Protein backbone atom coordinates (compact mmCIF):
# COMPACT_ATOMS: atom_id res chain seq x y z
CA UNK A 1 2.07 6.10 -10.95
CA UNK A 2 0.33 5.37 -7.66
CA UNK A 3 0.61 8.13 -5.04
CA UNK A 4 -0.11 6.94 -1.53
CA UNK A 5 -1.81 9.54 0.61
CA UNK A 6 -3.96 9.22 3.72
CA UNK A 7 -6.04 12.21 2.66
CA UNK A 8 -6.62 11.27 -0.97
CA UNK A 9 -9.82 9.43 -0.21
CA UNK A 10 -9.06 6.74 -2.77
CA UNK A 11 -10.07 3.11 -2.43
CA UNK A 12 -6.99 0.91 -2.40
CA UNK A 13 -7.17 -2.69 -3.53
CA UNK A 14 -4.26 -5.07 -3.10
CA UNK A 15 -4.78 -8.36 -4.90
CA UNK A 16 -2.26 -11.14 -4.22
CA UNK A 17 -1.72 -14.15 -6.39
CA UNK A 18 0.18 -17.32 -5.63
CA UNK A 19 1.71 -18.65 -8.83
CA UNK A 20 4.18 -21.28 -10.03
CA UNK A 21 7.43 -19.63 -11.17
CA UNK A 22 6.84 -21.03 -14.64
CA UNK A 23 3.53 -19.14 -14.87
CA UNK A 24 4.70 -15.90 -13.24
CA UNK A 25 5.55 -13.92 -16.38
CA UNK A 26 2.37 -15.03 -18.14
CA UNK A 27 0.31 -13.71 -15.24
CA UNK A 28 2.28 -10.48 -15.10
CA UNK A 29 1.65 -10.05 -18.82
CA UNK A 30 -2.02 -10.76 -18.41
CA UNK A 31 -2.35 -8.31 -15.46
CA UNK A 32 -0.57 -5.66 -17.54
CA UNK A 33 -2.93 -6.28 -20.46
CA UNK A 34 -6.01 -6.14 -18.23
CA UNK A 35 -4.86 -2.90 -16.68
CA UNK A 36 -3.66 -1.12 -19.83
CA UNK A 37 -6.37 -2.29 -22.19
CA UNK A 38 -9.40 -2.29 -19.88
CA UNK A 39 -9.23 -1.25 -16.21
CA UNK A 40 -7.35 2.00 -16.74
CA UNK A 41 -10.06 3.13 -19.17
CA UNK A 42 -12.91 2.63 -16.64
CA UNK A 43 -14.50 5.47 -14.70
CA UNK A 44 -12.82 6.07 -11.33
CA UNK A 45 -9.49 4.46 -12.15
CA UNK A 46 -6.59 6.29 -10.50
CA UNK A 47 -3.45 4.13 -10.75
CA UNK A 48 -2.04 0.60 -10.59
CA UNK A 49 1.24 -1.19 -10.04
CA UNK A 50 2.29 -4.85 -10.15
CA UNK A 51 4.90 -6.30 -7.76
CA UNK A 52 6.58 -9.70 -7.80
CA UNK A 53 8.68 -11.43 -5.16
CA UNK A 54 12.22 -12.68 -5.77
CA UNK A 55 11.13 -16.32 -6.01
CA UNK A 56 8.48 -15.37 -8.63
CA UNK A 57 5.82 -17.24 -6.63
CA UNK A 58 3.83 -14.24 -5.39
CA UNK A 59 2.44 -11.30 -7.34
CA UNK A 60 0.76 -8.25 -5.77
CA UNK A 61 -1.45 -6.01 -7.86
CA UNK A 62 -1.87 -2.57 -6.21
CA UNK A 63 -4.77 -0.51 -7.52
CA UNK A 64 -6.30 2.82 -6.61
CA UNK A 65 -9.83 3.85 -7.45
CA UNK A 66 -11.78 7.02 -6.72
CA UNK A 67 -14.29 5.00 -4.71
CA UNK A 68 -15.28 1.51 -3.64
CA UNK A 69 -18.25 1.72 -6.01
CA UNK A 70 -15.96 2.33 -9.00
CA UNK A 71 -13.93 -0.78 -8.20
CA UNK A 72 -17.05 -2.85 -7.59
CA UNK A 73 -18.44 -1.78 -10.96
CA UNK A 74 -15.19 -2.96 -12.60
CA UNK A 75 -15.42 -6.32 -10.80
CA UNK A 76 -19.02 -6.85 -12.00
CA UNK A 77 -18.27 -6.13 -15.67
CA UNK A 78 -18.28 -9.02 -18.15
CA UNK A 79 -14.83 -8.00 -19.41
CA UNK A 80 -13.27 -8.16 -15.96
CA UNK A 81 -15.02 -11.43 -15.22
CA UNK A 82 -13.37 -12.88 -18.33
CA UNK A 83 -9.95 -11.58 -17.18
CA UNK A 84 -10.51 -13.06 -13.71
CA UNK A 85 -11.08 -16.49 -15.23
CA UNK A 86 -7.76 -16.18 -17.07
CA UNK A 87 -6.03 -15.06 -13.86
CA UNK A 88 -7.39 -18.08 -12.00
CA UNK A 89 -6.17 -20.42 -14.74
CA UNK A 90 -2.60 -19.29 -13.98
CA UNK A 91 -2.75 -18.65 -10.22
CA UNK A 92 -2.95 -21.20 -7.39
CA UNK A 93 -4.61 -18.58 -5.18
CA UNK A 94 -6.09 -15.10 -5.65
CA UNK A 95 -7.06 -12.75 -2.82
CA UNK A 96 -8.37 -9.23 -3.62
CA UNK A 97 -8.73 -7.06 -0.48
CA UNK A 98 -9.92 -3.47 -0.14
CA UNK A 99 -7.90 -1.17 2.15
CA UNK A 100 -8.01 2.36 3.47
CA UNK A 101 -4.70 4.19 3.90
CA UNK A 102 -4.25 5.04 7.61
CA UNK A 103 -0.60 6.07 7.68
CA UNK A 104 2.06 7.16 5.23
CA UNK A 105 5.75 7.81 6.00
CA UNK A 106 7.97 9.40 3.39
CA UNK A 107 11.74 9.89 3.39
């Protein structure tokens, strides 16, 4: 389970996908497969979560890696490139963005 902490030093990647509602579950299933069968087994993987909006037109994939270099190595791998092609076949738009945590508020 992702744990958000300003001091963890992890690289956070939030990837958003725009998708037709009819393709939403297929993309969720594919993201789950890519994470469980491949990404989670790569060096530097910390955690991941997938979120979907109520209309089932937007999916956010939240990932944490030990470093930017670990994530970039994943992105360059042949296996991940193959998954990305499958993601793009289902999604209208895909935007992966790297973030640093600058504030956390807990209740």
